[in-house]
Amino acid sequence: MFQCEYVLRLKQGVEANQHISRISPANLKVLASAKDVTDIRIIAWRPPPNCDVAVHVVNCPAGVNLRVRLYREAEPDSHIYEKKLDPTSVPQHYFILPVLANDGKSYFVQVKHFWVISYL
């Protein structure tokens, strides 16, 4: 009687398995003989449709206003989102950006600061 050993894995490539992002286990050894192979258990994950992005600024001096802008890499002259945070609103400078579609496009975040000048 003969036995063959196979390794099941997710096929990689541009045209392969676009609807699956990963499987668990990543590799599964299967021994096949004269009988059908049964009880194979694999979990497949679809890619998430959205992406959450947060920005955390640390070591920012007191009295500084922050502005966060989100841009598409293909359109760097036009931001798609802007958020201003003044120094008194939150002690931690933590920004949660709008949900981005997982559409294969590239984005970048720009953080600018400026000092608050008050005249008494």
PDB file of N, CA and C in Angstrom:
ATOM      1  N   MET A   1       0.853  -1.179   0.000  1.00  0.00           N
ATOM      2  CA  MET A   1       0.000   0.000   0.000  1.00  0.00           C
ATOM      3  C   MET A   1       0.900   1.242   0.000  1.00  0.00           C
ATOM      4  N   PHE A   2       0.506   2.240  -0.725  1.00  0.00           N
ATOM      5  CA  PHE A   2       1.309   3.449  -0.834  1.00  0.00           C
ATOM      6  C   PHE A   2       0.619   4.602  -0.109  1.00  0.00           C
ATOM      7  N   GLN A   3       1.414   5.600   0.248  1.00  0.00           N
ATOM      8  CA  GLN A   3       0.895   6.819   0.853  1.00  0.00           C
ATOM      9  C   GLN A   3       1.557   8.009   0.169  1.00  0.00           C
ATOM     10  N   CYS A   4       0.773   9.063  -0.028  1.00  0.00           N
ATOM     11  CA  CYS A   4       1.303  10.316  -0.562  1.00  0.00           C
ATOM     12  C   CYS A   4       1.092  11.399   0.480  1.00  0.00           C
ATOM     13  N   GLU A   5       2.063  12.286   0.568  1.00  0.00           N
ATOM     14  CA  GLU A   5       1.946  13.407   1.503  1.00  0.00           C
ATOM     15  C   GLU A   5       1.772  14.691   0.696  1.00  0.00           C
ATOM     16  N   TYR A   6       0.759  15.446   1.038  1.00  0.00           N
ATOM     17  CA  TYR A   6       0.472  16.722   0.391  1.00  0.00           C
ATOM     18  C   TYR A   6       0.493  17.816   1.442  1.00  0.00           C
ATOM     19  N   VAL A   7       0.791  19.024   1.005  1.00  0.00           N
ATOM     20  CA  VAL A   7       0.720  20.184   1.892  1.00  0.00           C
ATOM     21  C   VAL A   7      -0.311  21.130   1.299  1.00  0.00           C
ATOM     22  N   LEU A   8      -1.372  21.382   2.046  1.00  0.00           N
ATOM     23  CA  LEU A   8      -2.403  22.329   1.619  1.00  0.00           C
ATOM     24  C   LEU A   8      -2.012  23.713   2.107  1.00  0.00           C
ATOM     25  N   ARG A   9      -2.072  24.696   1.212  1.00  0.00           N
ATOM     26  CA  ARG A   9      -1.759  26.079   1.571  1.00  0.00           C
ATOM     27  C   ARG A   9      -2.537  26.994   0.632  1.00  0.00           C
ATOM     28  N   LEU A  10      -2.563  28.258   0.954  1.00  0.00           N
ATOM     29  CA  LEU A  10      -3.233  29.252   0.128  1.00  0.00           C
ATOM     30  C   LEU A  10      -2.332  29.608  -1.043  1.00  0.00           C
ATOM     31  N   LYS A  11      -2.846  29.473  -2.241  1.00  0.00           N
ATOM     32  CA  LYS A  11      -2.067  29.800  -3.436  1.00  0.00           C
ATOM     33  C   LYS A  11      -1.903  31.308  -3.512  1.00  0.00           C
ATOM     34  N   GLN A  12      -0.676  31.756  -3.727  1.00  0.00           N
ATOM     35  CA  GLN A  12      -0.367  33.175  -3.807  1.00  0.00           C
ATOM     36  C   GLN A  12      -0.284  33.606  -5.263  1.00  0.00           C
ATOM     37  N   GLY A  13      -0.534  34.873  -5.517  1.00  0.00           N
ATOM     38  CA  GLY A  13      -0.402  35.402  -6.870  1.00  0.00           C
ATOM     39  C   GLY A  13      -1.516  36.380  -7.172  1.00  0.00           C
ATOM     40  N   VAL A  14      -1.354  37.083  -8.261  1.00  0.00           N
ATOM     41  CA  VAL A  14      -2.298  38.132  -8.629  1.00  0.00           C
ATOM     42  C   VAL A  14      -3.675  37.564  -8.944  1.00  0.00           C
ATOM     43  N   GLU A  15      -3.732  36.447  -9.646  1.00  0.00           N
ATOM     44  CA  GLU A  15      -5.015  35.895 -10.074  1.00  0.00           C
ATOM     45  C   GLU A  15      -5.577  34.848  -9.111  1.00  0.00           C
ATOM     46  N   ALA A  16      -4.858  34.530  -8.054  1.00  0.00           N
ATOM     47  CA  ALA A  16      -5.269  33.444  -7.175  1.00  0.00           C
ATOM     48  C   ALA A  16      -5.887  33.959  -5.886  1.00  0.00           C
ATOM     49  N   ASN A  17      -7.046  33.452  -5.559  1.00  0.00           N
ATOM     50  CA  ASN A  17      -7.667  33.645  -4.249  1.00  0.00           C
ATOM     51  C   ASN A  17      -7.775  35.091  -3.809  1.00  0.00           C
ATOM     52  N   GLN A  18      -8.277  35.957  -4.662  1.00  0.00           N
ATOM     53  CA  GLN A  18      -8.443  37.369  -4.314  1.00  0.00           C
ATOM     54  C   GLN A  18      -9.453  37.556  -3.192  1.00  0.00           C
ATOM     55  N   HIS A  19     -10.357  36.621  -3.023  1.00  0.00           N
ATOM     56  CA  HIS A  19     -11.408  36.740  -2.011  1.00  0.00           C
ATOM     57  C   HIS A  19     -10.997  36.170  -0.657  1.00  0.00           C
ATOM     58  N   ILE A  20      -9.785  35.643  -0.534  1.00  0.00           N
ATOM     59  CA  ILE A  20      -9.307  35.086   0.734  1.00  0.00           C
ATOM     60  C   ILE A  20      -7.988  35.766   1.090  1.00  0.00           C
ATOM     61  N   SER A  21      -7.892  36.285   2.323  1.00  0.00           N
ATOM     62  CA  SER A  21      -6.660  36.965   2.730  1.00  0.00           C
ATOM     63  C   SER A  21      -5.678  36.020   3.410  1.00  0.00           C
ATOM     64  N   ARG A  22      -6.187  35.026   4.163  1.00  0.00           N
ATOM     65  CA  ARG A  22      -5.302  34.065   4.821  1.00  0.00           C
ATOM     66  C   ARG A  22      -6.111  32.857   5.262  1.00  0.00           C
ATOM     67  N   ILE A  23      -5.390  31.788   5.592  1.00  0.00           N
ATOM     68  CA  ILE A  23      -6.029  30.593   6.120  1.00  0.00           C
ATOM     69  C   ILE A  23      -5.287  30.166   7.379  1.00  0.00           C
ATOM     70  N   SER A  24      -5.977  29.373   8.183  1.00  0.00           N
ATOM     71  CA  SER A  24      -5.356  28.831   9.385  1.00  0.00           C
ATOM     72  C   SER A  24      -5.729  27.354   9.479  1.00  0.00           C
ATOM     73  N   PRO A  25      -4.778  26.483   9.641  1.00  0.00           N
ATOM     74  CA  PRO A  25      -3.345  26.732   9.675  1.00  0.00           C
ATOM     75  C   PRO A  25      -2.829  27.167   8.307  1.00  0.00           C
ATOM     76  N   ALA A  26      -1.686  27.845   8.296  1.00  0.00           N
ATOM     77  CA  ALA A  26      -1.121  28.349   7.039  1.00  0.00           C
ATOM     78  C   ALA A  26      -0.717  27.203   6.113  1.00  0.00           C
ATOM     79  N   ASN A  27      -0.235  26.110   6.688  1.00  0.00           N
ATOM     80  CA  ASN A  27       0.118  24.899   5.937  1.00  0.00           C
ATOM     81  C   ASN A  27      -0.461  23.704   6.670  1.00  0.00           C
ATOM     82  N   LEU A  28      -1.031  22.775   5.942  1.00  0.00           N
ATOM     83  CA  LEU A  28      -1.616  21.589   6.555  1.00  0.00           C
ATOM     84  C   LEU A  28      -1.135  20.362   5.790  1.00  0.00           C
ATOM     85  N   LYS A  29      -0.412  19.472   6.476  1.00  0.00           N
ATOM     86  CA  LYS A  29       0.049  18.233   5.848  1.00  0.00           C
ATOM     87  C   LYS A  29      -1.088  17.218   5.833  1.00  0.00           C
ATOM     88  N   VAL A  30      -1.275  16.587   4.700  1.00  0.00           N
ATOM     89  CA  VAL A  30      -2.322  15.588   4.527  1.00  0.00           C
ATOM     90  C   VAL A  30      -1.687  14.326   3.972  1.00  0.00           C
ATOM     91  N   LEU A  31      -1.957  13.198   4.620  1.00  0.00           N
ATOM     92  CA  LEU A  31      -1.494  11.902   4.127  1.00  0.00           C
ATOM     93  C   LEU A  31      -2.649  11.217   3.412  1.00  0.00           C
ATOM     94  N   ALA A  32      -2.429  10.859   2.172  1.00  0.00           N
ATOM     95  CA  ALA A  32      -3.465  10.195   1.377  1.00  0.00           C
ATOM     96  C   ALA A  32      -3.015   8.781   1.074  1.00  0.00           C
ATOM     97  N   SER A  33      -3.957   7.865   1.191  1.00  0.00           N
ATOM     98  CA  SER A  33      -3.671   6.468   0.848  1.00  0.00           C
ATOM     99  C   SER A  33      -4.796   5.973  -0.051  1.00  0.00           C
ATOM    100  N   ALA A  34      -5.198   4.749   0.119  1.00  0.00           N
ATOM    101  CA  ALA A  34      -6.220   4.162  -0.752  1.00  0.00           C
ATOM    102  C   ALA A  34      -7.628   4.652  -0.400  1.00  0.00           C
ATOM    103  N   LYS A  35      -7.806   5.331   0.733  1.00  0.00           N
ATOM    104  CA  LYS A  35      -9.136   5.799   1.153  1.00  0.00           C
ATOM    105  C   LYS A  35      -9.260   7.300   0.936  1.00  0.00           C
ATOM    106  N   ASP A  36     -10.503   7.780   0.967  1.00  0.00           N
ATOM    107  CA  ASP A  36     -10.757   9.214   0.908  1.00  0.00           C
ATOM    108  C   ASP A  36     -10.197   9.889   2.166  1.00  0.00           C
ATOM    109  N   VAL A  37      -9.718  11.083   2.007  1.00  0.00           N
ATOM    110  CA  VAL A  37      -9.227  11.867   3.135  1.00  0.00           C
ATOM    111  C   VAL A  37     -10.415  12.634   3.711  1.00  0.00           C
ATOM    112  N   THR A  38     -10.604  12.534   5.018  1.00  0.00           N
ATOM    113  CA  THR A  38     -11.731  13.210   5.677  1.00  0.00           C
ATOM    114  C   THR A  38     -11.209  14.010   6.865  1.00  0.00           C
ATOM    115  N   ASP A  39     -12.107  14.783   7.464  1.00  0.00           N
ATOM    116  CA  ASP A  39     -11.818  15.567   8.681  1.00  0.00           C
ATOM    117  C   ASP A  39     -10.691  16.577   8.497  1.00  0.00           C
ATOM    118  N   ILE A  40     -10.664  17.248   7.353  1.00  0.00           N
ATOM    119  CA  ILE A  40      -9.728  18.347   7.148  1.00  0.00           C
ATOM    120  C   ILE A  40     -10.433  19.613   7.613  1.00  0.00           C
ATOM    121  N   ARG A  41      -9.777  20.340   8.483  1.00  0.00           N
ATOM    122  CA  ARG A  41     -10.366  21.564   9.019  1.00  0.00           C
ATOM    123  C   ARG A  41      -9.449  22.741   8.715  1.00  0.00           C
ATOM    124  N   ILE A  42      -9.971  23.702   7.933  1.00  0.00           N
ATOM    125  CA  ILE A  42      -9.241  24.905   7.565  1.00  0.00           C
ATOM    126  C   ILE A  42     -10.192  26.084   7.744  1.00  0.00           C
ATOM    127  N   ILE A  43      -9.681  27.151   8.293  1.00  0.00           N
ATOM    128  CA  ILE A  43     -10.450  28.392   8.407  1.00  0.00           C
ATOM    129  C   ILE A  43      -9.892  29.369   7.383  1.00  0.00           C
ATOM    130  N   ALA A  44     -10.763  29.976   6.585  1.00  0.00           N
ATOM    131  CA  ALA A  44     -10.352  30.963   5.583  1.00  0.00           C
ATOM    132  C   ALA A  44     -10.937  32.317   5.961  1.00  0.00           C
ATOM    133  N   TRP A  45     -10.118  33.358   5.906  1.00  0.00           N
ATOM    134  CA  TRP A  45     -10.556  34.718   6.215  1.00  0.00           C
ATOM    135  C   TRP A  45     -10.645  35.536   4.941  1.00  0.00           C
ATOM    136  N   ARG A  46     -11.732  36.236   4.812  1.00  0.00           N
ATOM    137  CA  ARG A  46     -11.861  37.193   3.719  1.00  0.00           C
ATOM    138  C   ARG A  46     -11.161  38.484   4.134  1.00  0.00           C
ATOM    139  N   PRO A  47     -10.635  39.245   3.155  1.00  0.00           N
ATOM    140  CA  PRO A  47     -10.027  40.523   3.530  1.00  0.00           C
ATOM    141  C   PRO A  47     -11.100  41.473   4.064  1.00  0.00           C
ATOM    142  N   PRO A  48     -10.762  42.264   5.075  1.00  0.00           N
ATOM    143  CA  PRO A  48     -11.755  43.197   5.606  1.00  0.00           C
ATOM    144  C   PRO A  48     -12.097  44.256   4.557  1.00  0.00           C
ATOM    145  N   PRO A  49     -13.366  44.661   4.482  1.00  0.00           N
ATOM    146  CA  PRO A  49     -13.754  45.660   3.488  1.00  0.00           C
ATOM    147  C   PRO A  49     -13.296  47.076   3.847  1.00  0.00           C
ATOM    148  N   ASN A  50     -12.983  47.287   5.111  1.00  0.00           N
ATOM    149  CA  ASN A  50     -12.602  48.625   5.566  1.00  0.00           C
ATOM    150  C   ASN A  50     -11.332  48.574   6.401  1.00  0.00           C
ATOM    151  N   CYS A  51     -10.747  49.752   6.577  1.00  0.00           N
ATOM    152  CA  CYS A  51      -9.532  49.877   7.372  1.00  0.00           C
ATOM    153  C   CYS A  51      -9.710  51.042   8.344  1.00  0.00           C
ATOM    154  N   ASP A  52      -9.400  50.818   9.599  1.00  0.00           N
ATOM    155  CA  ASP A  52      -9.445  51.874  10.603  1.00  0.00           C
ATOM    156  C   ASP A  52      -8.034  52.412  10.817  1.00  0.00           C
ATOM    157  N   VAL A  53      -7.918  53.737  10.879  1.00  0.00           N
ATOM    158  CA  VAL A  53      -6.613  54.374  11.063  1.00  0.00           C
ATOM    159  C   VAL A  53      -6.697  55.337  12.236  1.00  0.00           C
ATOM    160  N   ALA A  54      -5.706  55.268  13.112  1.00  0.00           N
ATOM    161  CA  ALA A  54      -5.614  56.198  14.238  1.00  0.00           C
ATOM    162  C   ALA A  54      -4.209  56.795  14.252  1.00  0.00           C
ATOM    163  N   VAL A  55      -4.117  58.032  14.722  1.00  0.00           N
ATOM    164  CA  VAL A  55      -2.842  58.736  14.833  1.00  0.00           C
ATOM    165  C   VAL A  55      -2.661  59.111  16.295  1.00  0.00           C
ATOM    166  N   HIS A  56      -1.508  58.777  16.859  1.00  0.00           N
ATOM    167  CA  HIS A  56      -1.205  59.116  18.245  1.00  0.00           C
ATOM    168  C   HIS A  56       0.075  59.949  18.250  1.00  0.00           C
ATOM    169  N   VAL A  57      -0.040  61.197  18.669  1.00  0.00           N
ATOM    170  CA  VAL A  57       1.106  62.102  18.726  1.00  0.00           C
ATOM    171  C   VAL A  57       1.602  62.126  20.167  1.00  0.00           C
ATOM    172  N   VAL A  58       2.881  61.859  20.340  1.00  0.00           N
ATOM    173  CA  VAL A  58       3.475  61.854  21.685  1.00  0.00           C
ATOM    174  C   VAL A  58       4.510  62.968  21.781  1.00  0.00           C
ATOM    175  N   ASN A  59       4.790  63.392  22.996  1.00  0.00           N
ATOM    176  CA  ASN A  59       5.774  64.434  23.283  1.00  0.00           C
ATOM    177  C   ASN A  59       5.463  65.750  22.580  1.00  0.00           C
ATOM    178  N   CYS A  60       4.225  66.137  22.607  1.00  0.00           N
ATOM    179  CA  CYS A  60       3.827  67.407  22.014  1.00  0.00           C
ATOM    180  C   CYS A  60       3.783  68.444  23.131  1.00  0.00           C
ATOM    181  N   PRO A  61       4.501  69.565  22.998  1.00  0.00           N
ATOM    182  CA  PRO A  61       4.536  70.561  24.069  1.00  0.00           C
ATOM    183  C   PRO A  61       3.161  71.194  24.304  1.00  0.00           C
ATOM    184  N   ALA A  62       2.963  71.676  25.505  1.00  0.00           N
ATOM    185  CA  ALA A  62       1.712  72.368  25.843  1.00  0.00           C
ATOM    186  C   ALA A  62       1.609  73.650  25.025  1.00  0.00           C
ATOM    187  N   GLY A  63       0.388  74.012  24.697  1.00  0.00           N
ATOM    188  CA  GLY A  63       0.154  75.240  23.945  1.00  0.00           C
ATOM    189  C   GLY A  63       0.265  75.094  22.441  1.00  0.00           C
ATOM    190  N   VAL A  64       0.353  73.874  21.964  1.00  0.00           N
ATOM    191  CA  VAL A  64       0.487  73.638  20.528  1.00  0.00           C
ATOM    192  C   VAL A  64      -0.835  73.116  19.977  1.00  0.00           C
ATOM    193  N   ASN A  65      -1.282  73.713  18.903  1.00  0.00           N
ATOM    194  CA  ASN A  65      -2.437  73.186  18.172  1.00  0.00           C
ATOM    195  C   ASN A  65      -1.946  72.200  17.126  1.00  0.00           C
ATOM    196  N   LEU A  66      -2.715  71.166  16.910  1.00  0.00           N
ATOM    197  CA  LEU A  66      -2.359  70.170  15.902  1.00  0.00           C
ATOM    198  C   LEU A  66      -3.427  70.120  14.824  1.00  0.00           C
ATOM    199  N   ARG A  67      -2.974  69.837  13.615  1.00  0.00           N
ATOM    200  CA  ARG A  67      -3.900  69.632  12.504  1.00  0.00           C
ATOM    201  C   ARG A  67      -3.462  68.361  11.782  1.00  0.00           C
ATOM    202  N   VAL A  68      -4.410  67.460  11.593  1.00  0.00           N
ATOM    203  CA  VAL A  68      -4.151  66.214  10.886  1.00  0.00           C
ATOM    204  C   VAL A  68      -4.924  66.248   9.582  1.00  0.00           C
ATOM    205  N   ARG A  69      -4.228  65.923   8.501  1.00  0.00           N
ATOM    206  CA  ARG A  69      -4.872  65.838   7.191  1.00  0.00           C
ATOM    207  C   ARG A  69      -4.601  64.470   6.586  1.00  0.00           C
ATOM    208  N   LEU A  70      -5.619  63.951   5.926  1.00  0.00           N
ATOM    209  CA  LEU A  70      -5.525  62.668   5.244  1.00  0.00           C
ATOM    210  C   LEU A  70      -5.605  62.919   3.746  1.00  0.00           C
ATOM    211  N   TYR A  71      -4.679  62.323   3.000  1.00  0.00           N
ATOM    212  CA  TYR A  71      -4.598  62.508   1.553  1.00  0.00           C
ATOM    213  C   TYR A  71      -4.583  61.153   0.857  1.00  0.00           C
ATOM    214  N   ARG A  72      -5.091  61.124  -0.365  1.00  0.00           N
ATOM    215  CA  ARG A  72      -4.833  59.999  -1.251  1.00  0.00           C
ATOM    216  C   ARG A  72      -3.468  60.239  -1.879  1.00  0.00           C
ATOM    217  N   GLU A  73      -2.672  59.198  -1.975  1.00  0.00           N
ATOM    218  CA  GLU A  73      -1.326  59.361  -2.530  1.00  0.00           C
ATOM    219  C   GLU A  73      -1.380  59.859  -3.977  1.00  0.00           C
ATOM    220  N   ALA A  74      -2.422  59.480  -4.708  1.00  0.00           N
ATOM    221  CA  ALA A  74      -2.551  59.908  -6.102  1.00  0.00           C
ATOM    222  C   ALA A  74      -2.955  61.378  -6.222  1.00  0.00           C
ATOM    223  N   GLU A  75      -3.471  61.977  -5.135  1.00  0.00           N
ATOM    224  CA  GLU A  75      -3.911  63.372  -5.140  1.00  0.00           C
ATOM    225  C   GLU A  75      -3.319  64.111  -3.944  1.00  0.00           C
ATOM    226  N   PRO A  76      -2.005  64.345  -3.929  1.00  0.00           N
ATOM    227  CA  PRO A  76      -1.367  64.929  -2.748  1.00  0.00           C
ATOM    228  C   PRO A  76      -1.669  66.405  -2.517  1.00  0.00           C
ATOM    229  N   ASP A  77      -2.305  67.079  -3.473  1.00  0.00           N
ATOM    230  CA  ASP A  77      -2.614  68.501  -3.302  1.00  0.00           C
ATOM    231  C   ASP A  77      -3.999  68.753  -2.727  1.00  0.00           C
ATOM    232  N   SER A  78      -4.773  67.715  -2.534  1.00  0.00           N
ATOM    233  CA  SER A  78      -6.147  67.879  -2.067  1.00  0.00           C
ATOM    234  C   SER A  78      -6.444  66.866  -0.963  1.00  0.00           C
ATOM    235  N   HIS A  79      -6.585  67.356   0.271  1.00  0.00           N
ATOM    236  CA  HIS A  79      -6.865  66.435   1.373  1.00  0.00           C
ATOM    237  C   HIS A  79      -8.326  65.990   1.332  1.00  0.00           C
ATOM    238  N   ILE A  80      -8.570  64.793   1.855  1.00  0.00           N
ATOM    239  CA  ILE A  80      -9.934  64.255   1.885  1.00  0.00           C
ATOM    240  C   ILE A  80     -10.529  64.325   3.291  1.00  0.00           C
ATOM    241  N   TYR A  81      -9.708  64.662   4.283  1.00  0.00           N
ATOM    242  CA  TYR A  81     -10.191  64.792   5.653  1.00  0.00           C
ATOM    243  C   TYR A  81      -9.236  65.690   6.409  1.00  0.00           C
ATOM    244  N   GLU A  82      -9.804  66.482   7.323  1.00  0.00           N
ATOM    245  CA  GLU A  82      -8.975  67.345   8.163  1.00  0.00           C
ATOM    246  C   GLU A  82      -9.584  67.382   9.550  1.00  0.00           C
ATOM    247  N   LYS A  83      -8.737  67.354  10.560  1.00  0.00           N
ATOM    248  CA  LYS A  83      -9.168  67.432  11.953  1.00  0.00           C
ATOM    249  C   LYS A  83      -8.209  68.355  12.681  1.00  0.00           C
ATOM    250  N   LYS A  84      -8.765  69.338  13.405  1.00  0.00           N
ATOM    251  CA  LYS A  84      -7.943  70.235  14.224  1.00  0.00           C
ATOM    252  C   LYS A  84      -8.184  69.897  15.683  1.00  0.00           C
ATOM    253  N   LEU A  85      -7.125  69.952  16.449  1.00  0.00           N
ATOM    254  CA  LEU A  85      -7.232  69.677  17.881  1.00  0.00           C
ATOM    255  C   LEU A  85      -6.469  70.756  18.613  1.00  0.00           C
ATOM    256  N   ASP A  86      -7.189  71.519  19.436  1.00  0.00           N
ATOM    257  CA  ASP A  86      -6.503  72.560  20.193  1.00  0.00           C
ATOM    258  C   ASP A  86      -5.947  71.959  21.475  1.00  0.00           C
ATOM    259  N   PRO A  87      -4.996  72.605  22.106  1.00  0.00           N
ATOM    260  CA  PRO A  87      -4.295  72.003  23.243  1.00  0.00           C
ATOM    261  C   PRO A  87      -5.157  71.801  24.478  1.00  0.00           C
ATOM    262  N   THR A  88      -6.295  72.452  24.577  1.00  0.00           N
ATOM    263  CA  THR A  88      -7.130  72.294  25.770  1.00  0.00           C
ATOM    264  C   THR A  88      -8.204  71.236  25.604  1.00  0.00           C
ATOM    265  N   SER A  89      -8.409  70.709  24.401  1.00  0.00           N
ATOM    266  CA  SER A  89      -9.526  69.789  24.193  1.00  0.00           C
ATOM    267  C   SER A  89      -9.265  68.405  24.770  1.00  0.00           C
ATOM    268  N   VAL A  90      -8.098  67.876  24.589  1.00  0.00           N
ATOM    269  CA  VAL A  90      -7.779  66.530  25.068  1.00  0.00           C
ATOM    270  C   VAL A  90      -6.314  66.516  25.492  1.00  0.00           C
ATOM    271  N   PRO A  91      -6.001  65.969  26.667  1.00  0.00           N
ATOM    272  CA  PRO A  91      -4.586  65.937  27.055  1.00  0.00           C
ATOM    273  C   PRO A  91      -3.739  65.027  26.158  1.00  0.00           C
ATOM    274  N   GLN A  92      -4.316  63.957  25.669  1.00  0.00           N
ATOM    275  CA  GLN A  92      -3.628  63.071  24.739  1.00  0.00           C
ATOM    276  C   GLN A  92      -3.975  63.490  23.324  1.00  0.00           C
ATOM    277  N   HIS A  93      -2.998  63.561  22.466  1.00  0.00           N
ATOM    278  CA  HIS A  93      -3.243  63.897  21.073  1.00  0.00           C
ATOM    279  C   HIS A  93      -3.429  62.606  20.298  1.00  0.00           C
ATOM    280  N   TYR A  94      -4.664  62.178  20.219  1.00  0.00           N
ATOM    281  CA  TYR A  94      -5.035  60.912  19.598  1.00  0.00           C
ATOM    282  C   TYR A  94      -6.161  61.195  18.613  1.00  0.00           C
ATOM    283  N   PHE A  95      -5.941  60.889  17.355  1.00  0.00           N
ATOM    284  CA  PHE A  95      -6.929  61.152  16.314  1.00  0.00           C
ATOM    285  C   PHE A  95      -7.405  59.832  15.731  1.00  0.00           C
ATOM    286  N   ILE A  96      -8.690  59.697  15.559  1.00  0.00           N
ATOM    287  CA  ILE A  96      -9.248  58.570  14.825  1.00  0.00           C
ATOM    288  C   ILE A  96      -9.772  59.124  13.519  1.00  0.00           C
ATOM    289  N   LEU A  97      -9.244  58.625  12.434  1.00  0.00           N
ATOM    290  CA  LEU A  97      -9.630  59.095  11.112  1.00  0.00           C
ATOM    291  C   LEU A  97     -10.879  58.358  10.645  1.00  0.00           C
ATOM    292  N   PRO A  98     -11.552  58.882   9.623  1.00  0.00           N
ATOM    293  CA  PRO A  98     -12.715  58.171   9.102  1.00  0.00           C
ATOM    294  C   PRO A  98     -12.318  56.798   8.555  1.00  0.00           C
ATOM    295  N   VAL A  99     -13.263  55.916   8.520  1.00  0.00           N
ATOM    296  CA  VAL A  99     -13.027  54.570   8.000  1.00  0.00           C
ATOM    297  C   VAL A  99     -12.662  54.667   6.519  1.00  0.00           C
ATOM    298  N   LEU A 100     -11.597  53.974   6.138  1.00  0.00           N
ATOM    299  CA  LEU A 100     -11.150  53.953   4.751  1.00  0.00           C
ATOM    300  C   LEU A 100     -11.546  52.625   4.112  1.00  0.00           C
ATOM    301  N   ALA A 101     -11.968  52.699   2.865  1.00  0.00           N
ATOM    302  CA  ALA A 101     -12.277  51.472   2.130  1.00  0.00           C
ATOM    303  C   ALA A 101     -10.978  50.735   1.831  1.00  0.00           C
ATOM    304  N   ASN A 102     -11.009  49.436   1.949  1.00  0.00           N
ATOM    305  CA  ASN A 102      -9.845  48.617   1.611  1.00  0.00           C
ATOM    306  C   ASN A 102      -9.863  48.406   0.097  1.00  0.00           C
ATOM    307  N   ASP A 103      -9.533  49.474  -0.636  1.00  0.00           N
ATOM    308  CA  ASP A 103      -9.696  49.491  -2.083  1.00  0.00           C
ATOM    309  C   ASP A 103      -8.381  49.417  -2.840  1.00  0.00           C
ATOM    310  N   GLY A 104      -7.289  49.168  -2.138  1.00  0.00           N
ATOM    311  CA  GLY A 104      -6.000  49.044  -2.794  1.00  0.00           C
ATOM    312  C   GLY A 104      -5.319  50.374  -3.075  1.00  0.00           C
ATOM    313  N   LYS A 105      -5.971  51.498  -2.760  1.00  0.00           N
ATOM    314  CA  LYS A 105      -5.356  52.808  -2.964  1.00  0.00           C
ATOM    315  C   LYS A 105      -4.455  53.133  -1.775  1.00  0.00           C
ATOM    316  N   SER A 106      -3.455  53.970  -2.021  1.00  0.00           N
ATOM    317  CA  SER A 106      -2.525  54.373  -0.965  1.00  0.00           C
ATOM    318  C   SER A 106      -2.918  55.740  -0.421  1.00  0.00           C
ATOM    319  N   TYR A 107      -2.754  55.908   0.878  1.00  0.00           N
ATOM    320  CA  TYR A 107      -3.076  57.147   1.570  1.00  0.00           C
ATOM    321  C   TYR A 107      -1.886  57.556   2.409  1.00  0.00           C
ATOM    322  N   PHE A 108      -1.829  58.841   2.777  1.00  0.00           N
ATOM    323  CA  PHE A 108      -0.845  59.270   3.757  1.00  0.00           C
ATOM    324  C   PHE A 108      -1.460  60.323   4.659  1.00  0.00           C
ATOM    325  N   VAL A 109      -0.867  60.441   5.859  1.00  0.00           N
ATOM    326  CA  VAL A 109      -1.350  61.354   6.884  1.00  0.00           C
ATOM    327  C   VAL A 109      -0.286  62.420   7.098  1.00  0.00           C
ATOM    328  N   GLN A 110      -0.730  63.663   7.200  1.00  0.00           N
ATOM    329  CA  GLN A 110       0.172  64.779   7.485  1.00  0.00           C
ATOM    330  C   GLN A 110      -0.265  65.387   8.814  1.00  0.00           C
ATOM    331  N   VAL A 111       0.682  65.551   9.729  1.00  0.00           N
ATOM    332  CA  VAL A 111       0.407  66.184  11.020  1.00  0.00           C
ATOM    333  C   VAL A 111       1.214  67.476  11.068  1.00  0.00           C
ATOM    334  N   LYS A 112       0.510  68.592  11.265  1.00  0.00           N
ATOM    335  CA  LYS A 112       1.179  69.893  11.386  1.00  0.00           C
ATOM    336  C   LYS A 112       0.873  70.461  12.763  1.00  0.00           C
ATOM    337  N   HIS A 113       1.791  71.250  13.252  1.00  0.00           N
ATOM    338  CA  HIS A 113       1.550  71.915  14.533  1.00  0.00           C
ATOM    339  C   HIS A 113       1.783  73.417  14.354  1.00  0.00           C
ATOM    340  N   PHE A 114       1.107  74.157  15.208  1.00  0.00           N
ATOM    341  CA  PHE A 114       1.315  75.598  15.249  1.00  0.00           C
ATOM    342  C   PHE A 114       1.047  76.066  16.672  1.00  0.00           C
ATOM    343  N   TRP A 115       1.766  77.104  17.060  1.00  0.00           N
ATOM    344  CA  TRP A 115       1.685  77.621  18.429  1.00  0.00           C
ATOM    345  C   TRP A 115       0.485  78.531  18.581  1.00  0.00           C
ATOM    346  N   VAL A 116      -0.108  78.499  19.754  1.00  0.00           N
ATOM    347  CA  VAL A 116      -1.212  79.370  20.092  1.00  0.00           C
ATOM    348  C   VAL A 116      -0.625  80.649  20.706  1.00  0.00           C
ATOM    349  N   ILE A 117      -0.953  81.772  20.120  1.00  0.00           N
ATOM    350  CA  ILE A 117      -0.475  83.065  20.642  1.00  0.00           C
ATOM    351  C   ILE A 117      -1.690  83.802  21.183  1.00  0.00           C
ATOM    352  N   SER A 118      -1.640  84.127  22.441  1.00  0.00           N
ATOM    353  CA  SER A 118      -2.753  84.885  23.015  1.00  0.00           C
ATOM    354  C   SER A 118      -2.232  86.238  23.472  1.00  0.00           C
ATOM    355  N   TYR A 119      -2.997  87.253  23.167  1.00  0.00           N
ATOM    356  CA  TYR A 119      -2.656  88.618  23.578  1.00  0.00           C
ATOM    357  C   TYR A 119      -3.585  89.013  24.715  1.00  0.00           C
ATOM    358  N   LEU A 120      -2.998  89.349  25.812  1.00  0.00           N
ATOM    359  CA  LEU A 120      -3.809  89.750  26.974  1.00  0.00           C
ATOM    360  C   LEU A 120      -3.902  91.233  27.099  1.00  0.00           C
TER     361      LEU A 120
END
